[in-house]
mmCIF file of all heavy atoms, coordinates in Angstrom:
data_MODEL
# 
_entry.id   MODEL 
# 
loop_
_atom_site.group_PDB 
_atom_site.id 
_atom_site.type_symbol 
_atom_site.label_atom_id 
_atom_site.label_alt_id 
_atom_site.label_comp_id 
_atom_site.label_asym_id 
_atom_site.label_entity_id 
_atom_site.label_seq_id 
_atom_site.pdbx_PDB_ins_code 
_atom_site.Cartn_x 
_atom_site.Cartn_y 
_atom_site.Cartn_z 
_atom_site.occupancy 
_atom_site.B_iso_or_equiv 
_atom_site.pdbx_formal_charge 
_atom_site.auth_seq_id 
_atom_site.auth_comp_id 
_atom_site.auth_asym_id 
_atom_site.auth_atom_id 
_atom_site.pdbx_PDB_model_num 
ATOM 1   N N   . GLU A 1 1  ? 51.789 -32.305 35.791 1.00 0.00 ? 1  GLU A N   1 
ATOM 2   C CA  . GLU A 1 1  ? 52.608 -31.118 35.578 1.00 0.00 ? 1  GLU A CA  1 
ATOM 3   C C   . GLU A 1 1  ? 53.957 -31.495 34.907 1.00 0.00 ? 1  GLU A C   1 
ATOM 4   O O   . GLU A 1 1  ? 54.618 -30.772 34.193 1.00 0.00 ? 1  GLU A O   1 
ATOM 5   C CB  . GLU A 1 1  ? 52.951 -30.440 36.950 1.00 0.00 ? 1  GLU A CB  1 
ATOM 6   C CG  . GLU A 1 1  ? 51.654 -29.966 37.717 1.00 0.00 ? 1  GLU A CG  1 
ATOM 7   C CD  . GLU A 1 1  ? 50.918 -28.912 36.978 1.00 0.00 ? 1  GLU A CD  1 
ATOM 8   O OE1 . GLU A 1 1  ? 51.475 -28.114 36.123 1.00 0.00 ? 1  GLU A OE1 1 
ATOM 9   O OE2 . GLU A 1 1  ? 49.666 -28.738 37.150 1.00 0.00 ? 1  GLU A OE2 1 
ATOM 10  N N   . THR A 1 2  ? 54.453 -32.671 35.250 1.00 0.00 ? 2  THR A N   1 
ATOM 11  C CA  . THR A 1 2  ? 55.677 -33.298 34.764 1.00 0.00 ? 2  THR A CA  1 
ATOM 12  C C   . THR A 1 2  ? 55.496 -34.317 33.824 1.00 0.00 ? 2  THR A C   1 
ATOM 13  O O   . THR A 1 2  ? 56.434 -34.715 33.100 1.00 0.00 ? 2  THR A O   1 
ATOM 14  C CB  . THR A 1 2  ? 56.506 -33.807 35.926 1.00 0.00 ? 2  THR A CB  1 
ATOM 15  O OG1 . THR A 1 2  ? 55.895 -34.931 36.583 1.00 0.00 ? 2  THR A OG1 1 
ATOM 16  C CG2 . THR A 1 2  ? 56.854 -32.687 37.062 1.00 0.00 ? 2  THR A CG2 1 
ATOM 17  N N   . GLY A 1 3  ? 54.340 -34.921 33.713 1.00 0.00 ? 3  GLY A N   1 
ATOM 18  C CA  . GLY A 1 3  ? 54.073 -36.011 32.909 1.00 0.00 ? 3  GLY A CA  1 
ATOM 19  C C   . GLY A 1 3  ? 54.527 -37.504 33.440 1.00 0.00 ? 3  GLY A C   1 
ATOM 20  O O   . GLY A 1 3  ? 54.373 -38.475 32.629 1.00 0.00 ? 3  GLY A O   1 
ATOM 21  N N   . VAL A 1 4  ? 55.041 -37.444 34.604 1.00 0.00 ? 4  VAL A N   1 
ATOM 22  C CA  . VAL A 1 4  ? 55.600 -38.727 35.093 1.00 0.00 ? 4  VAL A CA  1 
ATOM 23  C C   . VAL A 1 4  ? 54.494 -39.459 35.735 1.00 0.00 ? 4  VAL A C   1 
ATOM 24  O O   . VAL A 1 4  ? 53.764 -38.969 36.586 1.00 0.00 ? 4  VAL A O   1 
ATOM 25  C CB  . VAL A 1 4  ? 56.680 -38.407 36.139 1.00 0.00 ? 4  VAL A CB  1 
ATOM 26  C CG1 . VAL A 1 4  ? 57.302 -39.758 36.831 1.00 0.00 ? 4  VAL A CG1 1 
ATOM 27  C CG2 . VAL A 1 4  ? 57.940 -37.651 35.515 1.00 0.00 ? 4  VAL A CG2 1 
ATOM 28  N N   . ALA A 1 5  ? 54.502 -40.809 35.511 1.00 0.00 ? 5  ALA A N   1 
ATOM 29  C CA  . ALA A 1 5  ? 53.487 -41.770 36.148 1.00 0.00 ? 5  ALA A CA  1 
ATOM 30  C C   . ALA A 1 5  ? 54.261 -42.626 37.092 1.00 0.00 ? 5  ALA A C   1 
ATOM 31  O O   . ALA A 1 5  ? 55.356 -43.141 36.852 1.00 0.00 ? 5  ALA A O   1 
ATOM 32  C CB  . ALA A 1 5  ? 52.760 -42.740 35.082 1.00 0.00 ? 5  ALA A CB  1 
ATOM 33  N N   . TYR A 1 6  ? 53.683 -42.719 38.257 1.00 0.00 ? 6  TYR A N   1 
ATOM 34  C CA  . TYR A 1 6  ? 54.401 -43.501 39.401 1.00 0.00 ? 6  TYR A CA  1 
ATOM 35  C C   . TYR A 1 6  ? 53.537 -44.825 39.644 1.00 0.00 ? 6  TYR A C   1 
ATOM 36  O O   . TYR A 1 6  ? 52.399 -44.761 39.772 1.00 0.00 ? 6  TYR A O   1 
ATOM 37  C CB  . TYR A 1 6  ? 54.454 -42.658 40.664 1.00 0.00 ? 6  TYR A CB  1 
ATOM 38  C CG  . TYR A 1 6  ? 55.259 -41.429 40.550 1.00 0.00 ? 6  TYR A CG  1 
ATOM 39  C CD1 . TYR A 1 6  ? 54.688 -40.195 40.116 1.00 0.00 ? 6  TYR A CD1 1 
ATOM 40  C CD2 . TYR A 1 6  ? 56.667 -41.464 40.887 1.00 0.00 ? 6  TYR A CD2 1 
ATOM 41  C CE1 . TYR A 1 6  ? 55.527 -39.004 40.007 1.00 0.00 ? 6  TYR A CE1 1 
ATOM 42  C CE2 . TYR A 1 6  ? 57.384 -40.309 40.618 1.00 0.00 ? 6  TYR A CE2 1 
ATOM 43  C CZ  . TYR A 1 6  ? 56.833 -39.078 40.259 1.00 0.00 ? 6  TYR A CZ  1 
ATOM 44  O OH  . TYR A 1 6  ? 57.683 -37.962 40.235 1.00 0.00 ? 6  TYR A OH  1 
ATOM 45  N N   . ARG A 1 7  ? 54.376 -45.841 39.915 1.00 0.00 ? 7  ARG A N   1 
ATOM 46  C CA  . ARG A 1 7  ? 53.773 -47.148 40.124 1.00 0.00 ? 7  ARG A CA  1 
ATOM 47  C C   . ARG A 1 7  ? 54.045 -47.563 41.584 1.00 0.00 ? 7  ARG A C   1 
ATOM 48  O O   . ARG A 1 7  ? 55.145 -47.105 42.106 1.00 0.00 ? 7  ARG A O   1 
ATOM 49  C CB  . ARG A 1 7  ? 54.290 -48.239 39.260 1.00 0.00 ? 7  ARG A CB  1 
ATOM 50  C CG  . ARG A 1 7  ? 53.987 -48.126 37.802 1.00 0.00 ? 7  ARG A CG  1 
ATOM 51  C CD  . ARG A 1 7  ? 54.609 -48.979 36.909 1.00 0.00 ? 7  ARG A CD  1 
ATOM 52  N NE  . ARG A 1 7  ? 54.150 -50.414 37.101 1.00 0.00 ? 7  ARG A NE  1 
ATOM 53  C CZ  . ARG A 1 7  ? 53.564 -51.110 36.181 1.00 0.00 ? 7  ARG A CZ  1 
ATOM 54  N NH1 . ARG A 1 7  ? 53.205 -50.513 35.084 1.00 0.00 ? 7  ARG A NH1 1 
ATOM 55  N NH2 . ARG A 1 7  ? 53.123 -52.308 36.435 1.00 0.00 ? 7  ARG A NH2 1 
ATOM 56  N N   . ALA A 1 8  ? 53.297 -48.344 42.239 1.00 0.00 ? 8  ALA A N   1 
ATOM 57  C CA  . ALA A 1 8  ? 53.525 -48.897 43.510 1.00 0.00 ? 8  ALA A CA  1 
ATOM 58  C C   . ALA A 1 8  ? 54.654 -49.900 43.425 1.00 0.00 ? 8  ALA A C   1 
ATOM 59  O O   . ALA A 1 8  ? 54.867 -50.510 42.312 1.00 0.00 ? 8  ALA A O   1 
ATOM 60  C CB  . ALA A 1 8  ? 52.290 -49.485 44.152 1.00 0.00 ? 8  ALA A CB  1 
ATOM 61  N N   . GLY A 1 9  ? 55.460 -50.076 44.434 1.00 0.00 ? 9  GLY A N   1 
ATOM 62  C CA  . GLY A 1 9  ? 56.483 -51.027 44.427 1.00 0.00 ? 9  GLY A CA  1 
ATOM 63  C C   . GLY A 1 9  ? 56.136 -52.446 44.224 1.00 0.00 ? 9  GLY A C   1 
ATOM 64  O O   . GLY A 1 9  ? 56.720 -53.144 43.442 1.00 0.00 ? 9  GLY A O   1 
ATOM 65  N N   . MET A 1 10 ? 54.954 -52.875 44.792 1.00 0.00 ? 10 MET A N   1 
ATOM 66  C CA  . MET A 1 10 ? 54.519 -54.188 44.626 1.00 0.00 ? 10 MET A CA  1 
ATOM 67  C C   . MET A 1 10 ? 54.083 -54.447 43.141 1.00 0.00 ? 10 MET A C   1 
ATOM 68  O O   . MET A 1 10 ? 53.798 -55.660 42.735 1.00 0.00 ? 10 MET A O   1 
ATOM 69  C CB  . MET A 1 10 ? 53.447 -54.547 45.531 1.00 0.00 ? 10 MET A CB  1 
ATOM 70  C CG  . MET A 1 10 ? 52.108 -53.783 45.326 1.00 0.00 ? 10 MET A CG  1 
ATOM 71  S SD  . MET A 1 10 ? 50.909 -54.453 46.477 1.00 0.00 ? 10 MET A SD  1 
ATOM 72  C CE  . MET A 1 10 ? 51.489 -53.903 48.062 1.00 0.00 ? 10 MET A CE  1 
ATOM 73  N N   . ASP A 1 11 ? 53.804 -53.422 42.438 1.00 0.00 ? 11 ASP A N   1 
ATOM 74  C CA  . ASP A 1 11 ? 53.353 -53.551 41.027 1.00 0.00 ? 11 ASP A CA  1 
ATOM 75  C C   . ASP A 1 11 ? 54.489 -53.262 39.917 1.00 0.00 ? 11 ASP A C   1 
ATOM 76  O O   . ASP A 1 11 ? 54.309 -53.261 38.766 1.00 0.00 ? 11 ASP A O   1 
ATOM 77  C CB  . ASP A 1 11 ? 52.250 -52.459 40.690 1.00 0.00 ? 11 ASP A CB  1 
ATOM 78  C CG  . ASP A 1 11 ? 51.085 -52.741 41.554 1.00 0.00 ? 11 ASP A CG  1 
ATOM 79  O OD1 . ASP A 1 11 ? 50.697 -53.848 41.918 1.00 0.00 ? 11 ASP A OD1 1 
ATOM 80  O OD2 . ASP A 1 11 ? 50.464 -51.630 41.891 1.00 0.00 ? 11 ASP A OD2 1 
ATOM 81  N N   . SER A 1 12 ? 55.728 -53.244 40.537 1.00 0.00 ? 12 SER A N   1 
ATOM 82  C CA  . SER A 1 12 ? 56.907 -52.827 39.716 1.00 0.00 ? 12 SER A CA  1 
ATOM 83  C C   . SER A 1 12 ? 57.814 -54.209 39.599 1.00 0.00 ? 12 SER A C   1 
ATOM 84  O O   . SER A 1 12 ? 57.559 -55.112 40.288 1.00 0.00 ? 12 SER A O   1 
ATOM 85  C CB  . SER A 1 12 ? 57.703 -51.769 40.280 1.00 0.00 ? 12 SER A CB  1 
ATOM 86  O OG  . SER A 1 12 ? 56.912 -50.670 40.451 1.00 0.00 ? 12 SER A OG  1 
ATOM 87  N N   . THR A 1 13 ? 58.710 -54.130 38.676 1.00 0.00 ? 13 THR A N   1 
ATOM 88  C CA  . THR A 1 13 ? 59.661 -55.237 38.480 1.00 0.00 ? 13 THR A CA  1 
ATOM 89  C C   . THR A 1 13 ? 61.120 -54.584 38.476 1.00 0.00 ? 13 THR A C   1 
ATOM 90  O O   . THR A 1 13 ? 61.400 -53.835 37.646 1.00 0.00 ? 13 THR A O   1 
ATOM 91  C CB  . THR A 1 13 ? 59.501 -55.910 37.193 1.00 0.00 ? 13 THR A CB  1 
ATOM 92  O OG1 . THR A 1 13 ? 58.128 -56.442 37.076 1.00 0.00 ? 13 THR A OG1 1 
ATOM 93  C CG2 . THR A 1 13 ? 60.372 -57.124 37.062 1.00 0.00 ? 13 THR A CG2 1 
ATOM 94  N N   . PRO A 1 14 ? 61.965 -55.052 39.534 1.00 0.00 ? 14 PRO A N   1 
ATOM 95  C CA  . PRO A 1 14 ? 61.567 -55.929 40.674 1.00 0.00 ? 14 PRO A CA  1 
ATOM 96  C C   . PRO A 1 14 ? 60.697 -55.232 41.657 1.00 0.00 ? 14 PRO A C   1 
ATOM 97  O O   . PRO A 1 14 ? 60.603 -53.999 41.726 1.00 0.00 ? 14 PRO A O   1 
ATOM 98  C CB  . PRO A 1 14 ? 63.068 -56.204 41.243 1.00 0.00 ? 14 PRO A CB  1 
ATOM 99  C CG  . PRO A 1 14 ? 63.787 -54.975 40.924 1.00 0.00 ? 14 PRO A CG  1 
ATOM 100 C CD  . PRO A 1 14 ? 63.349 -54.443 39.577 1.00 0.00 ? 14 PRO A CD  1 
ATOM 101 N N   . GLN A 1 15 ? 60.095 -56.126 42.442 1.00 0.00 ? 15 GLN A N   1 
ATOM 102 C CA  . GLN A 1 15 ? 59.100 -55.444 43.410 1.00 0.00 ? 15 GLN A CA  1 
ATOM 103 C C   . GLN A 1 15 ? 59.961 -54.794 44.640 1.00 0.00 ? 15 GLN A C   1 
ATOM 104 O O   . GLN A 1 15 ? 61.072 -55.259 44.911 1.00 0.00 ? 15 GLN A O   1 
ATOM 105 C CB  . GLN A 1 15 ? 58.310 -56.562 44.092 1.00 0.00 ? 15 GLN A CB  1 
ATOM 106 C CG  . GLN A 1 15 ? 57.231 -57.192 42.989 1.00 0.00 ? 15 GLN A CG  1 
ATOM 107 C CD  . GLN A 1 15 ? 56.253 -57.984 43.721 1.00 0.00 ? 15 GLN A CD  1 
ATOM 108 O OE1 . GLN A 1 15 ? 56.351 -58.486 44.835 1.00 0.00 ? 15 GLN A OE1 1 
ATOM 109 N NE2 . GLN A 1 15 ? 55.072 -58.301 42.987 1.00 0.00 ? 15 GLN A NE2 1 
ATOM 110 N N   . THR A 1 16 ? 59.321 -53.827 45.136 1.00 0.00 ? 16 THR A N   1 
ATOM 111 C CA  . THR A 1 16 ? 59.920 -53.085 46.287 1.00 0.00 ? 16 THR A CA  1 
ATOM 112 C C   . THR A 1 16 ? 58.932 -52.848 47.329 1.00 0.00 ? 16 THR A C   1 
ATOM 113 O O   . THR A 1 16 ? 57.697 -52.934 46.994 1.00 0.00 ? 16 THR A O   1 
ATOM 114 C CB  . THR A 1 16 ? 60.529 -51.709 45.964 1.00 0.00 ? 16 THR A CB  1 
ATOM 115 O OG1 . THR A 1 16 ? 59.611 -50.887 45.468 1.00 0.00 ? 16 THR A OG1 1 
ATOM 116 C CG2 . THR A 1 16 ? 61.654 -51.972 44.840 1.00 0.00 ? 16 THR A CG2 1 
ATOM 117 N N   . ASN A 1 17 ? 59.237 -52.640 48.546 1.00 0.00 ? 17 ASN A N   1 
ATOM 118 C CA  . ASN A 1 17 ? 58.284 -52.358 49.659 1.00 0.00 ? 17 ASN A CA  1 
ATOM 119 C C   . ASN A 1 17 ? 58.007 -50.898 49.705 1.00 0.00 ? 17 ASN A C   1 
ATOM 120 O O   . ASN A 1 17 ? 58.456 -50.171 50.707 1.00 0.00 ? 17 ASN A O   1 
ATOM 121 C CB  . ASN A 1 17 ? 58.913 -52.873 50.999 1.00 0.00 ? 17 ASN A CB  1 
ATOM 122 C CG  . ASN A 1 17 ? 59.139 -54.495 50.962 1.00 0.00 ? 17 ASN A CG  1 
ATOM 123 O OD1 . ASN A 1 17 ? 58.467 -55.186 50.374 1.00 0.00 ? 17 ASN A OD1 1 
ATOM 124 N ND2 . ASN A 1 17 ? 60.389 -54.821 51.476 1.00 0.00 ? 17 ASN A ND2 1 
ATOM 125 N N   . SER A 1 18 ? 57.312 -50.397 48.747 1.00 0.00 ? 18 SER A N   1 
ATOM 126 C CA  . SER A 1 18 ? 57.079 -49.028 48.635 1.00 0.00 ? 18 SER A CA  1 
ATOM 127 C C   . SER A 1 18 ? 55.641 -48.792 47.944 1.00 0.00 ? 18 SER A C   1 
ATOM 128 O O   . SER A 1 18 ? 55.276 -49.670 47.268 1.00 0.00 ? 18 SER A O   1 
ATOM 129 C CB  . SER A 1 18 ? 58.122 -48.263 47.876 1.00 0.00 ? 18 SER A CB  1 
ATOM 130 O OG  . SER A 1 18 ? 58.109 -48.694 46.554 1.00 0.00 ? 18 SER A OG  1 
ATOM 131 N N   . ASP A 1 19 ? 55.057 -47.676 48.148 1.00 0.00 ? 19 ASP A N   1 
ATOM 132 C CA  . ASP A 1 19 ? 53.697 -47.441 47.619 1.00 0.00 ? 19 ASP A CA  1 
ATOM 133 C C   . ASP A 1 19 ? 53.845 -45.855 47.371 1.00 0.00 ? 19 ASP A C   1 
ATOM 134 O O   . ASP A 1 19 ? 54.618 -45.115 47.851 1.00 0.00 ? 19 ASP A O   1 
ATOM 135 C CB  . ASP A 1 19 ? 52.623 -47.639 48.577 1.00 0.00 ? 19 ASP A CB  1 
ATOM 136 C CG  . ASP A 1 19 ? 51.232 -47.684 47.878 1.00 0.00 ? 19 ASP A CG  1 
ATOM 137 O OD1 . ASP A 1 19 ? 51.267 -47.861 46.633 1.00 0.00 ? 19 ASP A OD1 1 
ATOM 138 O OD2 . ASP A 1 19 ? 50.164 -47.610 48.479 1.00 0.00 ? 19 ASP A OD2 1 
ATOM 139 N N   . VAL A 1 20 ? 52.898 -45.477 46.408 1.00 0.00 ? 20 VAL A N   1 
ATOM 140 C CA  . VAL A 1 20 ? 52.703 -44.075 46.025 1.00 0.00 ? 20 VAL A CA  1 
ATOM 141 C C   . VAL A 1 20 ? 51.331 -43.616 46.455 1.00 0.00 ? 20 VAL A C   1 
ATOM 142 O O   . VAL A 1 20 ? 50.345 -44.405 46.315 1.00 0.00 ? 20 VAL A O   1 
ATOM 143 C CB  . VAL A 1 20 ? 52.898 -43.825 44.611 1.00 0.00 ? 20 VAL A CB  1 
ATOM 144 C CG1 . VAL A 1 20 ? 52.757 -42.459 44.200 1.00 0.00 ? 20 VAL A CG1 1 
ATOM 145 C CG2 . VAL A 1 20 ? 54.282 -44.347 44.184 1.00 0.00 ? 20 VAL A CG2 1 
ATOM 146 N N   . ALA A 1 21 ? 51.097 -42.503 46.928 1.00 0.00 ? 21 ALA A N   1 
ATOM 147 C CA  . ALA A 1 21 ? 49.791 -42.111 47.602 1.00 0.00 ? 21 ALA A CA  1 
ATOM 148 C C   . ALA A 1 21 ? 49.428 -40.649 47.101 1.00 0.00 ? 21 ALA A C   1 
ATOM 149 O O   . ALA A 1 21 ? 50.339 -39.820 46.757 1.00 0.00 ? 21 ALA A O   1 
ATOM 150 C CB  . ALA A 1 21 ? 49.898 -42.111 49.092 1.00 0.00 ? 21 ALA A CB  1 
ATOM 151 N N   . TYR A 1 22 ? 48.200 -40.434 47.053 1.00 0.00 ? 22 TYR A N   1 
ATOM 152 C CA  . TYR A 1 22 ? 47.592 -39.085 46.747 1.00 0.00 ? 22 TYR A CA  1 
ATOM 153 C C   . TYR A 1 22 ? 47.079 -38.458 48.013 1.00 0.00 ? 22 TYR A C   1 
ATOM 154 O O   . TYR A 1 22 ? 46.487 -39.170 48.908 1.00 0.00 ? 22 TYR A O   1 
ATOM 155 C CB  . TYR A 1 22 ? 46.367 -39.297 45.804 1.00 0.00 ? 22 TYR A CB  1 
ATOM 156 C CG  . TYR A 1 22 ? 45.654 -38.062 45.498 1.00 0.00 ? 22 TYR A CG  1 
ATOM 157 C CD1 . TYR A 1 22 ? 46.000 -37.306 44.356 1.00 0.00 ? 22 TYR A CD1 1 
ATOM 158 C CD2 . TYR A 1 22 ? 44.623 -37.515 46.321 1.00 0.00 ? 22 TYR A CD2 1 
ATOM 159 C CE1 . TYR A 1 22 ? 45.375 -36.090 44.097 1.00 0.00 ? 22 TYR A CE1 1 
ATOM 160 C CE2 . TYR A 1 22 ? 43.937 -36.331 46.029 1.00 0.00 ? 22 TYR A CE2 1 
ATOM 161 C CZ  . TYR A 1 22 ? 44.341 -35.637 44.945 1.00 0.00 ? 22 TYR A CZ  1 
ATOM 162 O OH  . TYR A 1 22 ? 43.764 -34.480 44.707 1.00 0.00 ? 22 TYR A OH  1 
ATOM 163 N N   . PHE A 1 23 ? 47.357 -37.181 48.090 1.00 0.00 ? 23 PHE A N   1 
ATOM 164 C CA  . PHE A 1 23 ? 46.915 -36.449 49.215 1.00 0.00 ? 23 PHE A CA  1 
ATOM 165 C C   . PHE A 1 23 ? 46.412 -35.073 48.799 1.00 0.00 ? 23 PHE A C   1 
ATOM 166 O O   . PHE A 1 23 ? 47.227 -34.367 48.074 1.00 0.00 ? 23 PHE A O   1 
ATOM 167 C CB  . PHE A 1 23 ? 48.009 -36.350 50.286 1.00 0.00 ? 23 PHE A CB  1 
ATOM 168 C CG  . PHE A 1 23 ? 47.807 -35.547 51.447 1.00 0.00 ? 23 PHE A CG  1 
ATOM 169 C CD1 . PHE A 1 23 ? 46.459 -35.442 52.119 1.00 0.00 ? 23 PHE A CD1 1 
ATOM 170 C CD2 . PHE A 1 23 ? 48.812 -34.893 52.178 1.00 0.00 ? 23 PHE A CD2 1 
ATOM 171 C CE1 . PHE A 1 23 ? 46.177 -34.731 53.198 1.00 0.00 ? 23 PHE A CE1 1 
ATOM 172 C CE2 . PHE A 1 23 ? 48.551 -34.250 53.395 1.00 0.00 ? 23 PHE A CE2 1 
ATOM 173 C CZ  . PHE A 1 23 ? 47.289 -34.159 53.887 1.00 0.00 ? 23 PHE A CZ  1 
ATOM 174 N N   . GLY A 1 24 ? 45.189 -34.702 49.039 1.00 0.00 ? 24 GLY A N   1 
ATOM 175 C CA  . GLY A 1 24 ? 44.713 -33.434 48.640 1.00 0.00 ? 24 GLY A CA  1 
ATOM 176 C C   . GLY A 1 24 ? 43.410 -32.950 49.238 1.00 0.00 ? 24 GLY A C   1 
ATOM 177 O O   . GLY A 1 24 ? 42.683 -33.717 49.940 1.00 0.00 ? 24 GLY A O   1 
ATOM 178 N N   . ARG A 1 25 ? 43.089 -31.649 48.974 1.00 0.00 ? 25 ARG A N   1 
ATOM 179 C CA  . ARG A 1 25 ? 41.835 -31.067 49.452 1.00 0.00 ? 25 ARG A CA  1 
ATOM 180 C C   . ARG A 1 25 ? 41.152 -30.557 48.163 1.00 0.00 ? 25 ARG A C   1 
ATOM 181 O O   . ARG A 1 25 ? 41.758 -29.701 47.470 1.00 0.00 ? 25 ARG A O   1 
ATOM 182 C CB  . ARG A 1 25 ? 42.058 -30.010 50.479 1.00 0.00 ? 25 ARG A CB  1 
ATOM 183 C CG  . ARG A 1 25 ? 40.780 -29.500 51.156 1.00 0.00 ? 25 ARG A CG  1 
ATOM 184 C CD  . ARG A 1 25 ? 41.071 -28.299 52.078 1.00 0.00 ? 25 ARG A CD  1 
ATOM 185 N NE  . ARG A 1 25 ? 41.710 -28.798 53.263 1.00 0.00 ? 25 ARG A NE  1 
ATOM 186 C CZ  . ARG A 1 25 ? 42.835 -28.274 53.619 1.00 0.00 ? 25 ARG A CZ  1 
ATOM 187 N NH1 . ARG A 1 25 ? 43.550 -27.434 52.933 1.00 0.00 ? 25 ARG A NH1 1 
ATOM 188 N NH2 . ARG A 1 25 ? 43.358 -28.792 54.740 1.00 0.00 ? 25 ARG A NH2 1 
ATOM 189 N N   . LEU A 1 26 ? 39.996 -30.939 47.788 1.00 0.00 ? 26 LEU A N   1 
ATOM 190 C CA  . LEU A 1 26 ? 39.275 -30.632 46.606 1.00 0.00 ? 26 LEU A CA  1 
ATOM 191 C C   . LEU A 1 26 ? 37.938 -30.278 46.748 1.00 0.00 ? 26 LEU A C   1 
ATOM 192 O O   . LEU A 1 26 ? 37.288 -30.475 47.921 1.00 0.00 ? 26 LEU A O   1 
ATOM 193 C CB  . LEU A 1 26 ? 39.377 -31.927 45.719 1.00 0.00 ? 26 LEU A CB  1 
ATOM 194 C CG  . LEU A 1 26 ? 40.726 -32.449 45.280 1.00 0.00 ? 26 LEU A CG  1 
ATOM 195 C CD1 . LEU A 1 26 ? 40.586 -33.795 44.566 1.00 0.00 ? 26 LEU A CD1 1 
ATOM 196 C CD2 . LEU A 1 26 ? 41.415 -31.437 44.383 1.00 0.00 ? 26 LEU A CD2 1 
ATOM 197 N N   . PRO A 1 27 ? 37.245 -29.613 45.834 1.00 0.00 ? 27 PRO A N   1 
ATOM 198 C CA  . PRO A 1 27 ? 35.769 -29.216 45.985 1.00 0.00 ? 27 PRO A CA  1 
ATOM 199 C C   . PRO A 1 27 ? 34.918 -30.419 46.100 1.00 0.00 ? 27 PRO A C   1 
ATOM 200 O O   . PRO A 1 27 ? 35.197 -31.550 45.568 1.00 0.00 ? 27 PRO A O   1 
ATOM 201 C CB  . PRO A 1 27 ? 35.464 -28.601 44.624 1.00 0.00 ? 27 PRO A CB  1 
ATOM 202 C CG  . PRO A 1 27 ? 36.844 -28.056 44.189 1.00 0.00 ? 27 PRO A CG  1 
ATOM 203 C CD  . PRO A 1 27 ? 37.787 -29.131 44.569 1.00 0.00 ? 27 PRO A CD  1 
# 
């Protein structure tokens, strides 16, 4: 919807102690 892509903190530079998650209910 916004076009923004999110990376996990451990996959970023500099690294951070964070993650991104998906949560949903689908067919």
